[in-house]
Amino acid sequence: QVQLVESGGGLAQPGGSLRLSCATSGFTAPFMYYVMKWFRQAPGKERELVATISGLVEDTKYSDPVKGRFTISRDVSKRTVYLEMNSLKPEDTAVYYCNTADIWGQGTQVTVSS
């Protein structure tokens, strides 16, 4: 049974940084074969895709609002995916979810406020 557990959320000031982690377990195939994604959902809004990492060459993609500020990465030995968030803005406030296929983590709250 695949499980995803997010951590690292919290309160940050505008312009600040946070690093989210997604610890995984239960994969039946090598971790590097899985497409891993970060989504976020702000209050009153639909869940949106933020970043994707996939393939043996670690192809990464980002949504326009976070491009240049967020970086998705993974540690294959730890089976963990990260989302480094820099130059945070109040509009980045949301619950952030780790995802692969139809499996979701419980989410971690990120609040950007002065």
Protein backbone atom coordinates (compact mmCIF):
# COMPACT_ATOMS: atom_id res chain seq x y z
CA GLN A 1 0.00 0.00 0.00
CA VAL A 2 1.55 3.26 -1.15
CA GLN A 3 1.60 6.05 1.40
CA LEU A 4 2.61 9.69 1.03
CA VAL A 5 3.33 11.84 4.08
CA GLU A 6 3.96 15.56 3.68
CA SER A 7 5.80 17.77 6.16
CA GLY A 8 7.55 21.12 6.32
CA GLY A 9 4.63 23.50 6.04
CA GLY A 10 4.18 26.45 8.33
CA LEU A 11 4.13 30.22 8.48
CA ALA A 12 6.51 32.26 6.34
CA GLN A 13 6.85 35.95 5.66
CA PRO A 14 6.52 37.33 2.15
CA GLY A 15 9.85 36.87 0.41
CA GLY A 16 10.72 33.99 2.70
CA SER A 17 11.35 30.32 2.02
CA LEU A 18 10.05 26.92 3.04
CA ARG A 19 10.95 23.38 2.03
CA LEU A 20 8.25 20.75 1.88
CA SER A 21 9.01 17.04 2.05
CA CYS A 22 6.96 14.07 0.89
CA ALA A 23 8.09 10.78 2.39
CA THR A 24 6.88 7.78 0.43
CA SER A 25 6.50 4.11 1.23
CA GLY A 26 4.98 0.99 -0.28
CA PHE A 27 6.09 1.42 -3.88
CA THR A 28 6.41 -1.90 -5.67
CA ALA A 29 8.60 -0.58 -8.48
CA PRO A 30 11.81 1.47 -8.21
CA PHE A 31 10.99 4.93 -6.87
CA MET A 32 12.58 6.70 -9.81
CA TYR A 33 9.97 5.29 -12.19
CA TYR A 34 7.10 7.13 -10.50
CA VAL A 35 5.77 10.49 -11.61
CA MET A 36 5.56 12.61 -8.47
CA LYS A 37 3.59 15.83 -8.24
CA TRP A 38 2.90 18.66 -5.84
CA PHE A 39 -0.55 20.25 -5.87
CA ARG A 40 -2.00 23.03 -3.77
CA GLN A 41 -5.47 24.15 -2.81
CA ALA A 42 -6.24 27.59 -1.47
CA PRO A 43 -9.48 28.33 0.43
CA GLY A 44 -12.41 28.56 -1.95
CA LYS A 45 -10.33 27.51 -4.95
CA GLU A 46 -9.83 24.32 -6.91
CA ARG A 47 -6.78 22.15 -6.38
CA GLU A 48 -4.05 23.09 -8.84
CA LEU A 49 -0.91 21.38 -10.08
CA VAL A 50 2.25 23.13 -8.93
CA ALA A 51 5.17 20.95 -10.00
CA THR A 52 6.01 17.55 -11.48
CA ILE A 53 9.12 15.39 -11.48
CA SER A 54 9.37 12.22 -13.53
CA GLY A 55 11.56 9.76 -15.31
CA LEU A 56 15.08 8.58 -14.96
CA VAL A 57 16.38 11.97 -16.12
CA GLU A 58 14.27 13.84 -13.54
CA ASP A 59 12.26 15.88 -16.00
CA THR A 60 10.62 18.75 -14.09
CA LYS A 61 7.69 21.01 -14.93
CA TYR A 62 6.16 23.95 -13.11
CA SER A 63 2.98 25.98 -13.23
CA ASP A 64 3.42 29.57 -14.37
CA PRO A 65 2.70 31.15 -10.95
CA VAL A 66 5.62 29.33 -9.31
CA LYS A 67 8.10 29.06 -12.18
CA GLY A 68 11.46 30.48 -11.17
CA ARG A 69 10.59 30.45 -7.46
CA PHE A 70 9.84 26.80 -6.65
CA THR A 71 12.05 23.76 -7.25
CA ILE A 72 10.92 20.16 -7.14
CA SER A 73 13.50 17.48 -6.48
CA ARG A 74 13.80 13.97 -5.15
CA ASP A 75 16.17 11.79 -3.15
CA VAL A 76 15.92 8.29 -4.55
CA SER A 77 17.79 6.72 -1.63
CA LYS A 78 15.29 8.22 0.83
CA ARG A 79 12.27 7.81 -1.50
CA THR A 80 11.38 11.40 -0.72
CA VAL A 81 10.24 14.27 -2.90
CA TYR A 82 10.89 17.90 -2.00
CA LEU A 83 9.44 21.25 -2.94
CA GLU A 84 11.77 24.17 -2.26
CA MET A 85 9.75 27.37 -2.20
CA ASN A 86 11.51 30.72 -2.38
CA SER A 87 10.34 34.32 -2.74
CA LEU A 88 7.04 33.31 -1.19
CA LYS A 89 3.99 35.46 -1.79
CA PRO A 90 0.71 35.69 0.14
CA GLU A 91 -1.01 34.05 -2.83
CA ASP A 92 1.09 30.93 -2.23
CA THR A 93 -0.96 30.33 0.91
CA ALA A 94 -2.64 26.94 0.52
CA VAL A 95 -2.64 23.34 1.62
CA TYR A 96 0.07 21.56 -0.36
CA TYR A 97 -0.43 17.93 -1.37
CA CYS A 98 1.96 15.29 -2.65
CA ASN A 99 0.57 13.00 -5.35
CA THR A 100 1.33 10.05 -7.56
CA ALA A 101 -1.32 8.49 -9.82
CA ASP A 102 -4.50 8.42 -7.68
CA ILE A 103 -2.70 8.48 -4.34
CA TRP A 104 -2.64 11.60 -2.20
CA GLY A 105 -0.98 12.63 1.01
CA GLN A 106 -2.85 14.33 3.83
CA GLY A 107 -1.51 17.76 2.94
CA THR A 108 0.55 20.36 4.77
CA GLN A 109 -0.55 23.95 5.37
CA VAL A 110 1.58 26.79 4.04
CA THR A 111 0.69 30.32 5.15
CA VAL A 112 2.51 33.35 3.81
CA SER A 113 1.79 36.45 5.82
CA SER A 114 3.53 39.33 7.53
